[in-house]
Amino acid sequence: MHPTEVYVKVPGTKRKAAEFVSTKIISPRNNTTVTEVYGDIDSGTFTEKGGIDFQLITVLTPGGLEVPFAFSAKDLTADLPSSIEPGTEVSGSTFTPNYRTGDFLDPKARAKNTGVEYAQGLVALGGDDEELAKENIKVDVNGTGVITLSINNVDSDTDEFAGTFEAIQPSDTDMGSKDPLDVKIIGELYGRKA
């Protein structure tokens, strides 16, 4: 699966409802592809088992907001029809991991797994500020996404198929300190039934 378009749902204002806006991929520039994903088909259900099943991507909105997210096909579970042919659509849910691991140090040397939570003195800052705790105490916040695969072409001789996909999943939360934004990823799909 190779993303060709990425949209971010920006929060609304008093005059405008929340909407998806087109973005520009800024990192990585050349490799955003989820590839070599494989899985098992049992009783008409596909279950993803491995492969390069996620990519870390950062996009830039027209307003200048950088939005990091993990484009993921991890743990994809989808019900399959009896045959794959042009016009087939398959939808399923995915697991979206954190953009960063617990050992990542932020600019103030705070991390989940290092034991360092507060960069400033608690007494000087009031100590009980909920926003302060949200920024300082790092937690794992994983998400769930939805992906729809649309098959356009099928080669019955080689069992290869091609099409498009659309996925909606949450953005990164900076280890729990920010609210996630919805990210819509649209792109090209290629696969082979083995």
N, C-alpha and C. Protein backbone atom coordinates (compact mmCIF):
# COMPACT_ATOMS: atom_id res chain seq x y z
N MET A 1 0.85 -1.17 0.00
CA MET A 1 0.00 0.00 0.00
C MET A 1 0.90 1.23 0.00
N HIS A 2 0.67 2.09 -0.96
CA HIS A 2 1.47 3.30 -1.10
C HIS A 2 0.57 4.53 -1.04
N PRO A 3 0.73 5.38 0.01
CA PRO A 3 -0.10 6.59 0.11
C PRO A 3 0.20 7.58 -1.01
N THR A 4 -0.82 8.14 -1.61
CA THR A 4 -0.65 9.20 -2.60
C THR A 4 -1.25 10.52 -2.12
N GLU A 5 -2.21 10.45 -1.20
CA GLU A 5 -2.83 11.65 -0.64
C GLU A 5 -3.03 11.43 0.86
N VAL A 6 -2.78 12.48 1.64
CA VAL A 6 -3.03 12.42 3.08
C VAL A 6 -3.81 13.67 3.48
N TYR A 7 -4.88 13.47 4.24
CA TYR A 7 -5.72 14.56 4.72
C TYR A 7 -5.76 14.50 6.24
N VAL A 8 -5.83 15.67 6.88
CA VAL A 8 -5.94 15.75 8.33
C VAL A 8 -7.21 16.50 8.67
N LYS A 9 -7.97 15.98 9.62
CA LYS A 9 -9.20 16.65 10.05
C LYS A 9 -8.83 17.71 11.07
N VAL A 10 -8.89 18.96 10.65
CA VAL A 10 -8.53 20.07 11.54
C VAL A 10 -9.75 20.48 12.35
N PRO A 11 -9.53 20.88 13.60
CA PRO A 11 -10.66 21.29 14.44
C PRO A 11 -11.41 22.47 13.83
N GLY A 12 -12.70 22.50 14.08
CA GLY A 12 -13.53 23.57 13.56
C GLY A 12 -13.42 24.83 14.39
N THR A 13 -14.03 25.88 13.89
CA THR A 13 -14.11 27.15 14.60
C THR A 13 -15.58 27.51 14.76
N LYS A 14 -15.86 28.69 15.25
CA LYS A 14 -17.25 29.12 15.42
C LYS A 14 -17.99 29.18 14.09
N ARG A 15 -17.27 29.54 13.03
CA ARG A 15 -17.90 29.72 11.72
C ARG A 15 -17.73 28.54 10.78
N LYS A 16 -16.87 27.61 11.14
CA LYS A 16 -16.54 26.54 10.21
C LYS A 16 -16.49 25.21 10.96
N ALA A 17 -17.11 24.20 10.38
CA ALA A 17 -17.09 22.86 10.99
C ALA A 17 -15.73 22.21 10.75
N ALA A 18 -15.43 21.20 11.56
CA ALA A 18 -14.19 20.44 11.36
C ALA A 18 -14.23 19.76 10.00
N GLU A 19 -13.11 19.77 9.29
CA GLU A 19 -13.06 19.17 7.97
C GLU A 19 -11.67 18.62 7.68
N PHE A 20 -11.61 17.68 6.74
CA PHE A 20 -10.33 17.14 6.29
C PHE A 20 -9.70 18.13 5.31
N VAL A 21 -8.42 18.46 5.54
CA VAL A 21 -7.69 19.34 4.63
C VAL A 21 -6.52 18.57 4.03
N SER A 22 -6.19 18.89 2.80
CA SER A 22 -5.09 18.25 2.10
C SER A 22 -3.76 18.65 2.74
N THR A 23 -2.81 17.72 2.79
CA THR A 23 -1.52 17.99 3.42
C THR A 23 -0.39 17.61 2.46
N LYS A 24 0.82 17.94 2.88
CA LYS A 24 2.02 17.59 2.13
C LYS A 24 2.87 16.68 3.01
N ILE A 25 3.31 15.54 2.45
CA ILE A 25 4.19 14.64 3.21
C ILE A 25 5.57 15.28 3.27
N ILE A 26 6.09 15.49 4.49
CA ILE A 26 7.42 16.10 4.64
C ILE A 26 8.46 15.13 5.16
N SER A 27 8.03 14.02 5.73
CA SER A 27 9.01 13.04 6.21
C SER A 27 8.33 11.68 6.32
N PRO A 28 8.89 10.60 5.85
CA PRO A 28 10.04 10.54 4.95
C PRO A 28 9.61 10.93 3.54
N ARG A 29 10.50 11.44 2.77
CA ARG A 29 10.13 11.93 1.43
C ARG A 29 9.94 10.82 0.42
N ASN A 30 10.71 9.74 0.53
CA ASN A 30 10.71 8.74 -0.52
C ASN A 30 10.08 7.40 -0.15
N ASN A 31 9.90 7.11 1.11
CA ASN A 31 9.43 5.78 1.47
C ASN A 31 8.31 5.85 2.49
N THR A 32 7.08 5.84 2.01
CA THR A 32 5.92 5.83 2.89
C THR A 32 5.11 4.56 2.70
N THR A 33 5.68 3.59 2.00
CA THR A 33 4.95 2.39 1.60
C THR A 33 4.92 1.33 2.70
N VAL A 34 3.75 0.78 2.92
CA VAL A 34 3.59 -0.41 3.76
C VAL A 34 3.67 -1.58 2.79
N THR A 35 4.64 -2.48 3.00
CA THR A 35 4.92 -3.49 1.99
C THR A 35 5.15 -4.88 2.58
N GLU A 36 5.05 -5.87 1.75
CA GLU A 36 5.29 -7.27 2.10
C GLU A 36 4.43 -7.74 3.28
N VAL A 37 3.24 -7.16 3.39
CA VAL A 37 2.31 -7.55 4.44
C VAL A 37 1.69 -8.89 4.05
N TYR A 38 1.68 -9.82 4.97
CA TYR A 38 1.11 -11.14 4.69
C TYR A 38 0.22 -11.56 5.85
N GLY A 39 -0.60 -12.55 5.60
CA GLY A 39 -1.49 -13.02 6.65
C GLY A 39 -2.17 -14.31 6.28
N ASP A 40 -3.06 -14.74 7.14
CA ASP A 40 -3.80 -15.98 6.95
C ASP A 40 -5.25 -15.69 6.59
N ILE A 41 -5.82 -16.55 5.76
CA ILE A 41 -7.25 -16.49 5.46
C ILE A 41 -7.88 -17.73 6.06
N ASP A 42 -8.79 -17.51 7.02
CA ASP A 42 -9.44 -18.61 7.69
C ASP A 42 -10.93 -18.31 7.77
N SER A 43 -11.75 -19.18 7.23
CA SER A 43 -13.22 -19.02 7.23
C SER A 43 -13.65 -17.68 6.66
N GLY A 44 -12.98 -17.23 5.59
CA GLY A 44 -13.36 -15.99 4.93
C GLY A 44 -12.88 -14.73 5.61
N THR A 45 -11.98 -14.84 6.59
CA THR A 45 -11.45 -13.68 7.28
C THR A 45 -9.94 -13.61 7.09
N PHE A 46 -9.45 -12.44 6.64
CA PHE A 46 -8.01 -12.22 6.51
C PHE A 46 -7.50 -11.63 7.81
N THR A 47 -6.41 -12.20 8.35
CA THR A 47 -5.77 -11.69 9.56
C THR A 47 -4.30 -11.44 9.25
N GLU A 48 -3.87 -10.19 9.40
CA GLU A 48 -2.49 -9.81 9.11
C GLU A 48 -1.55 -10.44 10.13
N LYS A 49 -0.43 -10.98 9.66
CA LYS A 49 0.53 -11.67 10.53
C LYS A 49 1.91 -11.01 10.56
N GLY A 50 2.26 -10.22 9.56
CA GLY A 50 3.60 -9.62 9.57
C GLY A 50 3.90 -8.85 8.30
N GLY A 51 5.18 -8.50 8.15
CA GLY A 51 5.64 -7.69 7.03
C GLY A 51 6.04 -6.31 7.52
N ILE A 52 6.36 -5.44 6.60
CA ILE A 52 6.65 -4.05 6.96
C ILE A 52 5.28 -3.38 7.02
N ASP A 53 4.64 -3.53 8.19
CA ASP A 53 3.22 -3.21 8.30
C ASP A 53 2.90 -1.84 8.89
N PHE A 54 3.92 -0.99 9.06
CA PHE A 54 3.63 0.40 9.42
C PHE A 54 4.78 1.29 8.98
N GLN A 55 4.49 2.56 8.76
CA GLN A 55 5.49 3.56 8.40
C GLN A 55 5.22 4.82 9.21
N LEU A 56 6.28 5.43 9.71
CA LEU A 56 6.16 6.69 10.43
C LEU A 56 6.21 7.83 9.42
N ILE A 57 5.17 8.64 9.41
CA ILE A 57 5.03 9.71 8.42
C ILE A 57 4.69 11.01 9.15
N THR A 58 5.22 12.13 8.66
CA THR A 58 4.85 13.45 9.15
C THR A 58 4.34 14.26 7.97
N VAL A 59 3.20 14.92 8.15
CA VAL A 59 2.62 15.75 7.10
C VAL A 59 2.50 17.19 7.59
N LEU A 60 2.40 18.11 6.64
CA LEU A 60 2.29 19.53 6.94
C LEU A 60 0.95 20.03 6.40
N THR A 61 0.14 20.63 7.28
CA THR A 61 -1.16 21.18 6.86
C THR A 61 -0.95 22.56 6.24
N PRO A 62 -1.95 23.06 5.49
CA PRO A 62 -1.81 24.41 4.91
C PRO A 62 -1.58 25.49 5.97
N GLY A 63 -2.05 25.28 7.20
CA GLY A 63 -1.86 26.25 8.27
C GLY A 63 -0.51 26.15 8.95
N GLY A 64 0.35 25.23 8.52
CA GLY A 64 1.69 25.11 9.09
C GLY A 64 1.82 24.11 10.22
N LEU A 65 0.76 23.37 10.53
CA LEU A 65 0.80 22.38 11.60
C LEU A 65 1.44 21.09 11.09
N GLU A 66 2.48 20.62 11.80
CA GLU A 66 3.10 19.34 11.47
C GLU A 66 2.37 18.25 12.24
N VAL A 67 1.90 17.23 11.53
CA VAL A 67 1.12 16.15 12.14
C VAL A 67 1.83 14.82 11.90
N PRO A 68 2.45 14.25 12.95
CA PRO A 68 3.06 12.93 12.81
C PRO A 68 2.03 11.83 13.05
N PHE A 69 2.18 10.71 12.34
CA PHE A 69 1.30 9.56 12.57
C PHE A 69 2.00 8.31 12.08
N ALA A 70 1.50 7.17 12.54
CA ALA A 70 2.02 5.87 12.10
C ALA A 70 0.99 5.27 11.15
N PHE A 71 1.29 5.30 9.84
CA PHE A 71 0.42 4.67 8.84
C PHE A 71 0.56 3.17 9.04
N SER A 72 -0.55 2.50 9.38
CA SER A 72 -0.46 1.13 9.85
C SER A 72 -1.45 0.18 9.20
N ALA A 73 -0.95 -1.05 8.96
CA ALA A 73 -1.81 -2.17 8.57
C ALA A 73 -1.67 -3.28 9.61
N LYS A 74 -1.11 -2.93 10.78
CA LYS A 74 -0.91 -3.92 11.85
C LYS A 74 -2.23 -4.52 12.30
N ASP A 75 -2.22 -5.81 12.51
CA ASP A 75 -3.38 -6.54 13.02
C ASP A 75 -4.64 -6.32 12.18
N LEU A 76 -4.46 -6.06 10.88
CA LEU A 76 -5.61 -5.90 9.99
C LEU A 76 -6.45 -7.16 10.01
N THR A 77 -7.73 -7.00 10.27
CA THR A 77 -8.68 -8.10 10.24
C THR A 77 -9.83 -7.66 9.34
N ALA A 78 -10.08 -8.46 8.27
CA ALA A 78 -11.12 -8.08 7.31
C ALA A 78 -11.82 -9.32 6.79
N ASP A 79 -13.14 -9.22 6.63
CA ASP A 79 -13.91 -10.30 6.03
C ASP A 79 -13.75 -10.24 4.52
N LEU A 80 -13.43 -11.38 3.91
CA LEU A 80 -13.22 -11.45 2.46
C LEU A 80 -14.40 -12.13 1.78
N PRO A 81 -14.71 -11.70 0.56
CA PRO A 81 -15.72 -12.42 -0.22
C PRO A 81 -15.12 -13.73 -0.73
N SER A 82 -15.94 -14.57 -1.32
CA SER A 82 -15.47 -15.87 -1.80
C SER A 82 -14.47 -15.73 -2.94
N SER A 83 -14.56 -14.66 -3.72
CA SER A 83 -13.58 -14.44 -4.79
C SER A 83 -13.23 -12.96 -4.87
N ILE A 84 -11.99 -12.69 -5.31
CA ILE A 84 -11.55 -11.31 -5.48
C ILE A 84 -11.64 -10.99 -6.96
N GLU A 85 -12.42 -9.97 -7.28
CA GLU A 85 -12.61 -9.57 -8.68
C GLU A 85 -12.74 -8.05 -8.73
N PRO A 86 -12.63 -7.44 -9.92
CA PRO A 86 -12.78 -5.99 -10.00
C PRO A 86 -14.11 -5.54 -9.39
N GLY A 87 -14.05 -4.48 -8.60
CA GLY A 87 -15.25 -3.98 -7.92
C GLY A 87 -15.38 -4.48 -6.49
N THR A 88 -14.54 -5.44 -6.08
CA THR A 88 -14.60 -5.95 -4.72
C THR A 88 -14.11 -4.89 -3.74
N GLU A 89 -14.83 -4.71 -2.64
CA GLU A 89 -14.41 -3.82 -1.56
C GLU A 89 -14.32 -4.62 -0.27
N VAL A 90 -13.23 -4.41 0.46
CA VAL A 90 -12.99 -5.11 1.71
C VAL A 90 -12.65 -4.07 2.77
N SER A 91 -13.31 -4.13 3.92
CA SER A 91 -13.02 -3.20 5.02
C SER A 91 -12.63 -3.97 6.26
N GLY A 92 -11.76 -3.34 7.04
CA GLY A 92 -11.34 -3.97 8.28
C GLY A 92 -10.72 -2.96 9.23
N SER A 93 -10.43 -3.42 10.43
CA SER A 93 -9.83 -2.55 11.44
C SER A 93 -8.34 -2.84 11.57
N THR A 94 -7.58 -1.81 11.98
CA THR A 94 -6.14 -1.93 12.17
C THR A 94 -5.75 -1.39 13.53
N PHE A 95 -4.61 -1.83 14.01
CA PHE A 95 -4.00 -1.32 15.25
C PHE A 95 -3.02 -0.22 14.85
N THR A 96 -3.11 0.94 15.49
CA THR A 96 -2.21 2.05 15.19
C THR A 96 -1.28 2.26 16.39
N PRO A 97 0.01 1.92 16.25
CA PRO A 97 0.94 2.06 17.37
C PRO A 97 1.34 3.51 17.61
N ASN A 98 2.00 3.75 18.74
CA ASN A 98 2.55 5.07 19.03
C ASN A 98 3.56 5.46 17.97
N TYR A 99 3.70 6.75 17.73
CA TYR A 99 4.71 7.26 16.81
C TYR A 99 6.10 7.10 17.43
N ARG A 100 6.18 7.25 18.75
CA ARG A 100 7.45 7.13 19.46
C ARG A 100 7.35 6.03 20.50
N THR A 101 8.51 5.49 20.89
CA THR A 101 8.53 4.48 21.94
C THR A 101 8.72 5.15 23.29
N GLY A 102 8.62 4.38 24.35
CA GLY A 102 8.75 4.90 25.70
C GLY A 102 10.13 5.41 26.05
N ASP A 103 11.16 5.05 25.27
CA ASP A 103 12.52 5.52 25.54
C ASP A 103 12.85 6.83 24.85
N PHE A 104 11.93 7.36 24.03
CA PHE A 104 12.18 8.62 23.34
C PHE A 104 12.24 9.75 24.36
N LEU A 105 13.31 10.55 24.32
CA LEU A 105 13.45 11.71 25.20
C LEU A 105 12.96 12.96 24.49
N ASP A 106 12.06 13.70 25.14
CA ASP A 106 11.63 14.96 24.55
C ASP A 106 12.70 16.02 24.84
N PRO A 107 12.53 17.26 24.36
CA PRO A 107 13.57 18.27 24.56
C PRO A 107 13.90 18.58 26.03
N LYS A 108 13.02 18.22 26.95
CA LYS A 108 13.29 18.45 28.37
C LYS A 108 13.70 17.16 29.07
N ALA A 109 14.10 16.15 28.29
CA ALA A 109 14.62 14.87 28.79
C ALA A 109 13.58 14.05 29.55
N ARG A 110 12.30 14.23 29.23
CA ARG A 110 11.24 13.43 29.84
C ARG A 110 10.96 12.24 28.94
N ALA A 111 10.71 11.09 29.56
CA ALA A 111 10.37 9.89 28.80
C ALA A 111 9.57 8.96 29.69
N LYS A 112 8.92 7.98 29.06
CA LYS A 112 8.10 7.04 29.82
C LYS A 112 8.95 6.02 30.56
N ASN A 113 9.96 5.47 29.90
CA ASN A 113 10.72 4.35 30.48
C ASN A 113 11.96 4.75 31.25
N THR A 114 12.32 6.04 31.29
CA THR A 114 13.55 6.45 31.96
C THR A 114 13.34 6.87 33.40
N GLY A 115 12.11 7.07 33.82
CA GLY A 115 11.84 7.49 35.19
C GLY A 115 11.84 9.00 35.36
N VAL A 116 12.21 9.75 34.34
CA VAL A 116 12.21 11.21 34.43
C VAL A 116 10.87 11.70 33.92
N GLU A 117 10.10 12.36 34.80
CA GLU A 117 8.80 12.85 34.39
C GLU A 117 8.74 14.37 34.36
N TYR A 118 9.19 15.02 35.42
CA TYR A 118 9.07 16.46 35.50
C TYR A 118 10.41 17.12 35.25
N ALA A 119 10.42 18.12 34.38
CA ALA A 119 11.64 18.85 34.08
C ALA A 119 11.79 20.08 34.97
N GLN A 120 10.72 20.53 35.62
CA GLN A 120 10.76 21.70 36.48
C GLN A 120 10.40 21.28 37.90
N GLY A 121 10.67 22.18 38.84
CA GLY A 121 10.30 21.91 40.22
C GLY A 121 8.79 21.96 40.39
N LEU A 122 8.23 20.99 41.12
CA LEU A 122 6.78 20.92 41.28
C LEU A 122 6.22 22.07 42.12
N VAL A 123 6.93 22.46 43.16
CA VAL A 123 6.42 23.51 44.04
C VAL A 123 6.32 24.83 43.28
N ALA A 124 7.32 25.15 42.49
CA ALA A 124 7.32 26.40 41.75
C ALA A 124 6.20 26.45 40.72
N LEU A 125 5.79 25.32 40.23
CA LEU A 125 4.75 25.28 39.19
C LEU A 125 3.35 25.06 39.75
N GLY A 126 3.21 24.91 41.04
CA GLY A 126 1.90 24.70 41.62
C GLY A 126 1.64 23.25 41.96
N GLY A 127 2.31 22.33 41.31
CA GLY A 127 2.27 20.92 41.67
C GLY A 127 1.06 20.13 41.26
N ASP A 128 -0.13 20.73 41.22
CA ASP A 128 -1.35 19.96 40.95
C ASP A 128 -1.98 20.30 39.60
N ASP A 129 -1.27 20.95 38.74
CA ASP A 129 -1.81 21.37 37.46
C ASP A 129 -2.02 20.16 36.55
N GLU A 130 -3.27 19.96 36.12
CA GLU A 130 -3.60 18.79 35.29
C GLU A 130 -2.93 18.87 33.91
N GLU A 131 -2.88 20.06 33.33
CA GLU A 131 -2.21 20.23 32.03
C GLU A 131 -0.72 19.93 32.14
N LEU A 132 -0.13 20.33 33.27
CA LEU A 132 1.29 20.06 33.50
C LEU A 132 1.53 18.55 33.59
N ALA A 133 0.67 17.85 34.28
CA ALA A 133 0.82 16.40 34.41
C ALA A 133 0.65 15.72 33.05
N LYS A 134 -0.29 16.20 32.25
CA LYS A 134 -0.52 15.61 30.93
C LYS A 134 0.72 15.74 30.05
N GLU A 135 1.40 16.87 30.13
CA GLU A 135 2.60 17.11 29.32
C GLU A 135 3.81 16.35 29.86
N ASN A 136 3.90 16.19 31.17
CA ASN A 136 5.09 15.61 31.77
C ASN A 136 5.05 14.10 31.93
N ILE A 137 3.90 13.54 32.26
CA ILE A 137 3.82 12.09 32.50
C ILE A 137 3.45 11.41 31.19
N LYS A 138 4.40 10.67 30.63
CA LYS A 138 4.22 10.03 29.33
C LYS A 138 3.52 8.68 29.48
N VAL A 139 2.58 8.40 28.58
CA VAL A 139 1.85 7.13 28.59
C VAL A 139 1.73 6.62 27.15
N ASP A 140 1.56 5.31 27.01
CA ASP A 140 1.32 4.72 25.69
C ASP A 140 -0.13 4.93 25.31
N VAL A 141 -0.36 5.56 24.18
CA VAL A 141 -1.72 5.76 23.68
C VAL A 141 -1.77 5.20 22.26
N ASN A 142 -2.23 3.98 22.15
CA ASN A 142 -2.37 3.35 20.84
C ASN A 142 -3.78 3.61 20.32
N GLY A 143 -3.94 3.47 19.02
CA GLY A 143 -5.25 3.75 18.44
C GLY A 143 -5.75 2.62 17.56
N THR A 144 -6.94 2.82 17.03
CA THR A 144 -7.54 1.87 16.12
C THR A 144 -7.95 2.62 14.86
N GLY A 145 -7.63 2.04 13.72
CA GLY A 145 -7.99 2.64 12.45
C GLY A 145 -8.92 1.75 11.66
N VAL A 146 -9.45 2.29 10.58
CA VAL A 146 -10.31 1.54 9.67
C VAL A 146 -9.74 1.71 8.27
N ILE A 147 -9.67 0.62 7.52
CA ILE A 147 -9.14 0.67 6.16
C ILE A 147 -10.11 -0.02 5.20
N THR A 148 -10.29 0.57 4.03
CA THR A 148 -11.13 -0.02 2.98
C THR A 148 -10.27 -0.22 1.74
N LEU A 149 -10.23 -1.46 1.26
CA LEU A 149 -9.48 -1.82 0.06
C LEU A 149 -10.46 -1.98 -1.09
N SER A 150 -10.20 -1.30 -2.20
CA SER A 150 -11.06 -1.40 -3.39
C SER A 150 -10.24 -2.01 -4.52
N ILE A 151 -10.66 -3.17 -5.01
CA ILE A 151 -9.94 -3.88 -6.06
C ILE A 151 -10.42 -3.41 -7.43
N ASN A 152 -9.47 -2.98 -8.28
CA ASN A 152 -9.81 -2.50 -9.63
C ASN A 152 -9.43 -3.49 -10.72
N ASN A 153 -8.30 -4.17 -10.55
CA ASN A 153 -7.79 -5.09 -11.57
C ASN A 153 -7.37 -6.40 -10.92
N VAL A 154 -7.63 -7.50 -11.62
CA VAL A 154 -7.23 -8.83 -11.14
C VAL A 154 -6.63 -9.59 -12.32
N ASP A 155 -5.46 -10.19 -12.10
CA ASP A 155 -4.84 -11.06 -13.10
C ASP A 155 -5.00 -12.50 -12.62
N SER A 156 -5.91 -13.24 -13.23
CA SER A 156 -6.20 -14.60 -12.76
C SER A 156 -5.06 -15.57 -13.03
N ASP A 157 -4.17 -15.26 -13.99
CA ASP A 157 -3.04 -16.14 -14.28
C ASP A 157 -1.99 -16.10 -13.17
N THR A 158 -1.75 -14.92 -12.60
CA THR A 158 -0.71 -14.77 -11.58
C THR A 158 -1.28 -14.56 -10.18
N ASP A 159 -2.60 -14.48 -10.05
CA ASP A 159 -3.28 -14.19 -8.78
C ASP A 159 -2.89 -12.84 -8.19
N GLU A 160 -2.49 -11.89 -9.04
CA GLU A 160 -2.16 -10.55 -8.58
C GLU A 160 -3.39 -9.65 -8.71
N PHE A 161 -3.46 -8.66 -7.83
CA PHE A 161 -4.56 -7.70 -7.90
C PHE A 161 -4.03 -6.31 -7.58
N ALA A 162 -4.73 -5.30 -8.06
CA ALA A 162 -4.36 -3.91 -7.82
C ALA A 162 -5.62 -3.10 -7.59
N GLY A 163 -5.44 -1.97 -6.92
CA GLY A 163 -6.58 -1.11 -6.66
C GLY A 163 -6.18 0.09 -5.83
N THR A 164 -7.12 0.55 -5.03
CA THR A 164 -6.89 1.71 -4.18
C THR A 164 -7.31 1.37 -2.76
N PHE A 165 -6.88 2.22 -1.83
CA PHE A 165 -7.31 2.04 -0.44
C PHE A 165 -7.60 3.40 0.17
N GLU A 166 -8.40 3.39 1.22
CA GLU A 166 -8.65 4.58 2.03
C GLU A 166 -8.64 4.15 3.48
N ALA A 167 -7.80 4.81 4.27
CA ALA A 167 -7.68 4.48 5.69
C ALA A 167 -7.94 5.74 6.51
N ILE A 168 -8.61 5.57 7.63
CA ILE A 168 -8.78 6.66 8.60
C ILE A 168 -8.26 6.14 9.93
N GLN A 169 -7.33 6.89 10.51
CA GLN A 169 -6.72 6.48 11.77
C GLN A 169 -6.29 7.71 12.56
N PRO A 170 -5.98 7.55 13.85
CA PRO A 170 -5.59 8.70 14.66
C PRO A 170 -4.14 9.11 14.43
N SER A 171 -3.85 10.39 14.68
CA SER A 171 -2.48 10.88 14.61
C SER A 171 -1.77 10.59 15.93
N ASP A 172 -0.52 10.99 16.02
CA ASP A 172 0.27 10.82 17.23
C ASP A 172 -0.27 11.72 18.34
N THR A 173 -0.10 11.29 19.59
CA THR A 173 -0.54 12.08 20.74
C THR A 173 0.63 12.60 21.56
N ASP A 174 1.86 12.42 21.08
CA ASP A 174 3.07 12.78 21.83
C ASP A 174 3.04 12.14 23.21
N MET A 175 2.82 10.82 23.20
CA MET A 175 2.78 10.01 24.43
C MET A 175 1.72 10.50 25.40
N GLY A 176 0.55 10.89 24.89
CA GLY A 176 -0.58 11.25 25.73
C GLY A 176 -0.73 12.72 26.04
N SER A 177 0.18 13.58 25.59
CA SER A 177 0.09 14.99 25.96
C SER A 177 -0.80 15.81 25.01
N LYS A 178 -1.14 15.26 23.85
CA LYS A 178 -1.98 15.99 22.89
C LYS A 178 -3.17 15.12 22.49
N ASP A 179 -4.24 15.76 22.07
CA ASP A 179 -5.39 15.02 21.55
C ASP A 179 -5.09 14.60 20.11
N PRO A 180 -5.47 13.36 19.74
CA PRO A 180 -5.20 12.91 18.37
C PRO A 180 -6.13 13.59 17.36
N LEU A 181 -5.62 13.76 16.15
CA LEU A 181 -6.42 14.24 15.03
C LEU A 181 -6.72 13.06 14.12
N ASP A 182 -7.83 13.09 13.41
CA ASP A 182 -8.13 12.04 12.44
C ASP A 182 -7.31 12.28 11.18
N VAL A 183 -6.69 11.22 10.67
CA VAL A 183 -5.89 11.29 9.45
C VAL A 183 -6.52 10.35 8.42
N LYS A 184 -6.75 10.87 7.21
CA LYS A 184 -7.28 10.05 6.11
C LYS A 184 -6.16 9.84 5.10
N ILE A 185 -5.85 8.58 4.82
CA ILE A 185 -4.79 8.23 3.88
C ILE A 185 -5.42 7.54 2.68
N ILE A 186 -5.13 8.03 1.49
CA ILE A 186 -5.64 7.44 0.25
C ILE A 186 -4.44 7.05 -0.61
N GLY A 187 -4.51 5.89 -1.24
CA GLY A 187 -3.37 5.49 -2.05
C GLY A 187 -3.63 4.29 -2.92
N GLU A 188 -2.52 3.75 -3.43
CA GLU A 188 -2.55 2.62 -4.35
C GLU A 188 -2.29 1.32 -3.61
N LEU A 189 -2.87 0.26 -4.13
CA LEU A 189 -2.79 -1.06 -3.50
C LEU A 189 -2.34 -2.08 -4.53
N TYR A 190 -1.45 -2.96 -4.11
CA TYR A 190 -1.03 -4.08 -4.95
C TYR A 190 -0.91 -5.30 -4.06
N GLY A 191 -1.32 -6.45 -4.54
CA GLY A 191 -1.20 -7.67 -3.75
C GLY A 191 -1.22 -8.91 -4.61
N ARG A 192 -0.97 -10.03 -3.95
CA ARG A 192 -1.00 -11.32 -4.63
C ARG A 192 -1.56 -12.35 -3.68
N LYS A 193 -2.50 -13.13 -4.17
CA LYS A 193 -3.07 -14.20 -3.36
C LYS A 193 -2.17 -15.42 -3.52
N ALA A 194 -1.65 -15.89 -2.40
CA ALA A 194 -0.71 -17.03 -2.45
C ALA A 194 -1.40 -18.32 -2.11
